Amino acid sequence: MRDNPLRELIDSIQSGPEPWAALMGRLDELDLESTPDSAAVRVEVLSYLDDTATMLDTLGTAVERGRVDWVEVRDAAHGYLANKLDLVSDGQGVLGILDDAYLCRSLLRQAAETSSDSPVVVTALSSDGVVKALLGGPVTATLDVAAKQTVADVRMQS
């Protein structure tokens, strides 16, 4: 199976507080009724990232088994993951990786909605709301539009 670039990004944030600084700063900026425990947020975000990586692994396996119509979706996801200066720069640590994972999920969700035989089940997690709050509405809306357009373009070429 092809390497999963999201797994590599997840590995890069496992040690030290530095990768988490921007995310924790964003958490402090949010107008929440109660401040969530930073350790709990960390666990939830890592779970979201890991679940997204698993979805990409499943997609990679499906493509290897001949699901050619999903190659472009996989390639679009991997391309965004490889771009370090995307909507939220990967230089912002976890926050920058979170937008990558969000876009991957959005791509998979859009592709699954337009396919009668989706190889990937895009699970909705409780952390989806946390991720949307951390990234912010304008960022997630932009990523959703980009995913929808990418999938539409792929489907038109098929």
C-alpha atoms as a PDB file:
ATOM      1  CA  MET A   1       0.000   0.000   0.000  1.00  0.00           C
ATOM      2  CA  ARG A   2       1.125   3.551  -0.659  1.00  0.00           C
ATOM      3  CA  ASP A   3       2.358   5.483   2.324  1.00  0.00           C
ATOM      4  CA  ASN A   4      -0.248   7.479   4.170  1.00  0.00           C
ATOM      5  CA  PRO A   5       1.049  11.059   4.500  1.00  0.00           C
ATOM      6  CA  LEU A   6      -1.386  11.817   7.320  1.00  0.00           C
ATOM      7  CA  ARG A   7       0.200   9.108   9.467  1.00  0.00           C
ATOM      8  CA  GLU A   8       3.572  10.781   8.933  1.00  0.00           C
ATOM      9  CA  LEU A   9       2.119  14.128  10.043  1.00  0.00           C
ATOM     10  CA  ILE A  10       0.552  12.519  13.123  1.00  0.00           C
ATOM     11  CA  ASP A  11       3.932  11.021  14.038  1.00  0.00           C
ATOM     12  CA  SER A  12       5.498  14.480  13.783  1.00  0.00           C
ATOM     13  CA  ILE A  13       3.271  15.936  16.520  1.00  0.00           C
ATOM     14  CA  GLN A  14       3.602  13.214  19.122  1.00  0.00           C
ATOM     15  CA  SER A  15       6.437  14.739  21.109  1.00  0.00           C
ATOM     16  CA  GLY A  16       6.566  17.968  22.999  1.00  0.00           C
ATOM     17  CA  PRO A  17       4.139  20.842  23.504  1.00  0.00           C
ATOM     18  CA  GLU A  18       5.331  22.958  20.548  1.00  0.00           C
ATOM     19  CA  PRO A  19       3.090  21.361  17.899  1.00  0.00           C
ATOM     20  CA  TRP A  20       0.077  21.940  20.156  1.00  0.00           C
ATOM     21  CA  ALA A  21       0.721  25.613  20.998  1.00  0.00           C
ATOM     22  CA  ALA A  22      -1.362  27.197  18.205  1.00  0.00           C
ATOM     23  CA  LEU A  23      -4.250  24.792  18.799  1.00  0.00           C
ATOM     24  CA  MET A  24      -4.298  25.473  22.532  1.00  0.00           C
ATOM     25  CA  GLY A  25      -4.110  29.205  21.806  1.00  0.00           C
ATOM     26  CA  ARG A  26      -7.103  28.858  19.490  1.00  0.00           C
ATOM     27  CA  LEU A  27      -8.948  26.913  22.173  1.00  0.00           C
ATOM     28  CA  ASP A  28      -8.378  29.816  24.590  1.00  0.00           C
ATOM     29  CA  GLU A  29      -9.797  32.258  22.001  1.00  0.00           C
ATOM     30  CA  LEU A  30     -13.067  30.379  21.603  1.00  0.00           C
ATOM     31  CA  ASP A  31     -16.046  31.679  23.521  1.00  0.00           C
ATOM     32  CA  LEU A  32     -16.923  28.456  25.292  1.00  0.00           C
ATOM     33  CA  GLU A  33     -19.160  28.077  28.323  1.00  0.00           C
ATOM     34  CA  SER A  34     -16.502  25.997  30.008  1.00  0.00           C
ATOM     35  CA  THR A  35     -12.889  25.501  29.093  1.00  0.00           C
ATOM     36  CA  PRO A  36     -12.289  21.891  28.115  1.00  0.00           C
ATOM     37  CA  ASP A  37      -9.401  20.041  29.657  1.00  0.00           C
ATOM     38  CA  SER A  38      -6.401  20.364  27.334  1.00  0.00           C
ATOM     39  CA  ALA A  39      -5.533  16.684  27.766  1.00  0.00           C
ATOM     40  CA  ALA A  40      -9.069  15.699  26.732  1.00  0.00           C
ATOM     41  CA  VAL A  41      -8.879  17.969  23.682  1.00  0.00           C
ATOM     42  CA  ARG A  42      -5.541  16.434  22.761  1.00  0.00           C
ATOM     43  CA  VAL A  43      -6.995  12.908  22.980  1.00  0.00           C
ATOM     44  CA  GLU A  44     -10.034  13.896  20.918  1.00  0.00           C
ATOM     45  CA  VAL A  45      -7.951  15.604  18.230  1.00  0.00           C
ATOM     46  CA  LEU A  46      -5.526  12.673  18.012  1.00  0.00           C
ATOM     47  CA  SER A  47      -8.504  10.309  17.712  1.00  0.00           C
ATOM     48  CA  TYR A  48      -9.944  12.450  14.903  1.00  0.00           C
ATOM     49  CA  LEU A  49      -6.600  12.453  13.086  1.00  0.00           C
ATOM     50  CA  ASP A  50      -6.103   8.713  13.549  1.00  0.00           C
ATOM     51  CA  ASP A  51      -9.638   7.891  12.382  1.00  0.00           C
ATOM     52  CA  THR A  52      -9.097  10.057   9.306  1.00  0.00           C
ATOM     53  CA  ALA A  53      -5.804   8.281   8.592  1.00  0.00           C
ATOM     54  CA  THR A  54      -7.621   4.947   8.856  1.00  0.00           C
ATOM     55  CA  MET A  55     -10.177   6.163   6.310  1.00  0.00           C
ATOM     56  CA  LEU A  56      -7.304   7.092   3.979  1.00  0.00           C
ATOM     57  CA  ASP A  57      -5.762   3.636   4.518  1.00  0.00           C
ATOM     58  CA  THR A  58      -9.091   2.064   3.548  1.00  0.00           C
ATOM     59  CA  LEU A  59      -9.252   4.261   0.469  1.00  0.00           C
ATOM     60  CA  GLY A  60      -5.695   3.298  -0.467  1.00  0.00           C
ATOM     61  CA  THR A  61      -6.543  -0.393  -0.200  1.00  0.00           C
ATOM     62  CA  ALA A  62      -9.652   0.070  -2.339  1.00  0.00           C
ATOM     63  CA  VAL A  63      -7.626   1.860  -5.015  1.00  0.00           C
ATOM     64  CA  GLU A  64      -5.007  -0.908  -4.982  1.00  0.00           C
ATOM     65  CA  ARG A  65      -7.771  -3.442  -5.501  1.00  0.00           C
ATOM     66  CA  GLY A  66      -8.853  -1.763  -8.693  1.00  0.00           C
ATOM     67  CA  ARG A  67     -11.291   0.916  -7.599  1.00  0.00           C
ATOM     68  CA  VAL A  68      -9.845   3.227 -10.232  1.00  0.00           C
ATOM     69  CA  ASP A  69     -12.642   5.782  -9.927  1.00  0.00           C
ATOM     70  CA  TRP A  70     -11.281   6.697  -6.480  1.00  0.00           C
ATOM     71  CA  VAL A  71      -7.649   7.236  -7.528  1.00  0.00           C
ATOM     72  CA  GLU A  72      -8.195  10.947  -8.136  1.00  0.00           C
ATOM     73  CA  VAL A  73      -9.892  11.393  -4.764  1.00  0.00           C
ATOM     74  CA  ARG A  74      -6.961   9.698  -3.038  1.00  0.00           C
ATOM     75  CA  ASP A  75      -4.483  11.759  -5.024  1.00  0.00           C
ATOM     76  CA  ALA A  76      -6.320  15.008  -4.177  1.00  0.00           C
ATOM     77  CA  ALA A  77      -6.229  14.128  -0.464  1.00  0.00           C
ATOM     78  CA  HIS A  78      -2.554  13.206  -0.596  1.00  0.00           C
ATOM     79  CA  GLY A  79      -1.770  16.370  -2.564  1.00  0.00           C
ATOM     80  CA  TYR A  80      -3.344  18.574   0.086  1.00  0.00           C
ATOM     81  CA  LEU A  81      -1.514  16.693   2.828  1.00  0.00           C
ATOM     82  CA  ALA A  82       1.787  17.228   1.021  1.00  0.00           C
ATOM     83  CA  ASN A  83       1.238  20.985   0.660  1.00  0.00           C
ATOM     84  CA  LYS A  84       2.770  22.598   3.746  1.00  0.00           C
ATOM     85  CA  LEU A  85       1.439  26.072   2.889  1.00  0.00           C
ATOM     86  CA  ASP A  86      -2.231  25.312   2.483  1.00  0.00           C
ATOM     87  CA  LEU A  87      -5.200  27.112   4.058  1.00  0.00           C
ATOM     88  CA  VAL A  88      -3.831  26.647   7.584  1.00  0.00           C
ATOM     89  CA  SER A  89      -0.057  26.287   7.313  1.00  0.00           C
ATOM     90  CA  ASP A  90       1.435  23.111   8.707  1.00  0.00           C
ATOM     91  CA  GLY A  91       3.874  25.430  10.462  1.00  0.00           C
ATOM     92  CA  GLN A  92       1.063  25.947  12.986  1.00  0.00           C
ATOM     93  CA  GLY A  93       1.547  22.404  14.247  1.00  0.00           C
ATOM     94  CA  VAL A  94      -1.545  20.403  15.091  1.00  0.00           C
ATOM     95  CA  LEU A  95      -3.884  23.149  13.894  1.00  0.00           C
ATOM     96  CA  GLY A  96      -2.230  23.022  10.475  1.00  0.00           C
ATOM     97  CA  ILE A  97      -2.556  19.248  10.326  1.00  0.00           C
ATOM     98  CA  LEU A  98      -6.157  19.407  11.506  1.00  0.00           C
ATOM     99  CA  ASP A  99      -7.238  21.379   8.436  1.00  0.00           C
ATOM    100  CA  ASP A 100      -5.562  18.726   6.275  1.00  0.00           C
ATOM    101  CA  ALA A 101      -7.522  15.974   8.003  1.00  0.00           C
ATOM    102  CA  TYR A 102     -10.735  17.982   7.781  1.00  0.00           C
ATOM    103  CA  LEU A 103     -10.288  18.436   4.031  1.00  0.00           C
ATOM    104  CA  CYS A 104      -9.568  14.722   3.588  1.00  0.00           C
ATOM    105  CA  ARG A 105     -12.771  13.842   5.413  1.00  0.00           C
ATOM    106  CA  SER A 106     -14.713  16.362   3.416  1.00  0.00           C
ATOM    107  CA  LEU A 107     -13.326  14.923   0.161  1.00  0.00           C
ATOM    108  CA  LEU A 108     -14.239  11.407   1.249  1.00  0.00           C
ATOM    109  CA  ARG A 109     -17.691  12.490   2.397  1.00  0.00           C
ATOM    110  CA  GLN A 110     -18.395  14.330  -0.880  1.00  0.00           C
ATOM    111  CA  ALA A 111     -17.097  11.416  -2.959  1.00  0.00           C
ATOM    112  CA  ALA A 112     -19.158   8.904  -0.991  1.00  0.00           C
ATOM    113  CA  GLU A 113     -22.285  10.992  -1.515  1.00  0.00           C
ATOM    114  CA  THR A 114     -21.763  10.930  -5.289  1.00  0.00           C
ATOM    115  CA  SER A 115     -20.895   7.236  -5.581  1.00  0.00           C
ATOM    116  CA  SER A 116     -23.161   4.240  -5.360  1.00  0.00           C
ATOM    117  CA  ASP A 117     -20.299   2.006  -4.249  1.00  0.00           C
ATOM    118  CA  SER A 118     -18.153   3.930  -1.803  1.00  0.00           C
ATOM    119  CA  PRO A 119     -15.224   1.923  -0.419  1.00  0.00           C
ATOM    120  CA  VAL A 120     -14.928   4.247   2.559  1.00  0.00           C
ATOM    121  CA  VAL A 121     -17.355   4.846   5.391  1.00  0.00           C
ATOM    122  CA  VAL A 122     -16.891   8.397   6.599  1.00  0.00           C
ATOM    123  CA  THR A 123     -17.781   8.227  10.230  1.00  0.00           C
ATOM    124  CA  ALA A 124     -19.209  11.184  12.059  1.00  0.00           C
ATOM    125  CA  LEU A 125     -17.486  11.640  15.374  1.00  0.00           C
ATOM    126  CA  SER A 126     -18.268  13.823  18.335  1.00  0.00           C
ATOM    127  CA  SER A 127     -14.974  15.546  17.602  1.00  0.00           C
ATOM    128  CA  ASP A 128     -16.261  16.851  14.257  1.00  0.00           C
ATOM    129  CA  GLY A 129     -17.860  19.730  16.151  1.00  0.00           C
ATOM    130  CA  VAL A 130     -14.682  20.389  18.124  1.00  0.00           C
ATOM    131  CA  VAL A 131     -12.622  20.390  14.926  1.00  0.00           C
ATOM    132  CA  LYS A 132     -15.017  22.803  13.225  1.00  0.00           C
ATOM    133  CA  ALA A 133     -14.837  25.110  16.242  1.00  0.00           C
ATOM    134  CA  LEU A 134     -11.046  24.960  16.372  1.00  0.00           C
ATOM    135  CA  LEU A 135     -10.625  25.630  12.662  1.00  0.00           C
ATOM    136  CA  GLY A 136     -13.435  28.166  12.494  1.00  0.00           C
ATOM    137  CA  GLY A 137     -16.466  28.408  10.242  1.00  0.00           C
ATOM    138  CA  PRO A 138     -14.804  30.314   7.385  1.00  0.00           C
ATOM    139  CA  VAL A 139     -11.974  27.757   7.150  1.00  0.00           C
ATOM    140  CA  THR A 140     -14.240  24.694   7.247  1.00  0.00           C
ATOM    141  CA  ALA A 141     -16.651  26.285   4.760  1.00  0.00           C
ATOM    142  CA  THR A 142     -13.760  27.000   2.377  1.00  0.00           C
ATOM    143  CA  LEU A 143     -12.476  23.443   2.735  1.00  0.00           C
ATOM    144  CA  ASP A 144     -15.958  21.985   2.144  1.00  0.00           C
ATOM    145  CA  VAL A 145     -16.387  24.051  -1.037  1.00  0.00           C
ATOM    146  CA  ALA A 146     -12.942  22.983  -2.264  1.00  0.00           C
ATOM    147  CA  ALA A 147     -13.742  19.318  -1.581  1.00  0.00           C
ATOM    148  CA  LYS A 148     -17.096  19.545  -3.332  1.00  0.00           C
ATOM    149  CA  GLN A 149     -15.538  21.203  -6.382  1.00  0.00           C
ATOM    150  CA  THR A 150     -12.675  18.701  -6.511  1.00  0.00           C
ATOM    151  CA  VAL A 151     -15.040  15.735  -6.414  1.00  0.00           C
ATOM    152  CA  ALA A 152     -17.295  17.345  -9.049  1.00  0.00           C
ATOM    153  CA  ASP A 153     -14.261  17.858 -11.299  1.00  0.00           C
ATOM    154  CA  VAL A 154     -13.139  14.261 -10.784  1.00  0.00           C
ATOM    155  CA  ARG A 155     -16.607  12.912 -11.555  1.00  0.00           C
ATOM    156  CA  MET A 156     -16.825  15.027 -14.737  1.00  0.00           C
ATOM    157  CA  GLN A 157     -13.525  13.564 -15.951  1.00  0.00           C
ATOM    158  CA  SER A 158     -14.642   9.989 -15.257  1.00  0.00           C
END
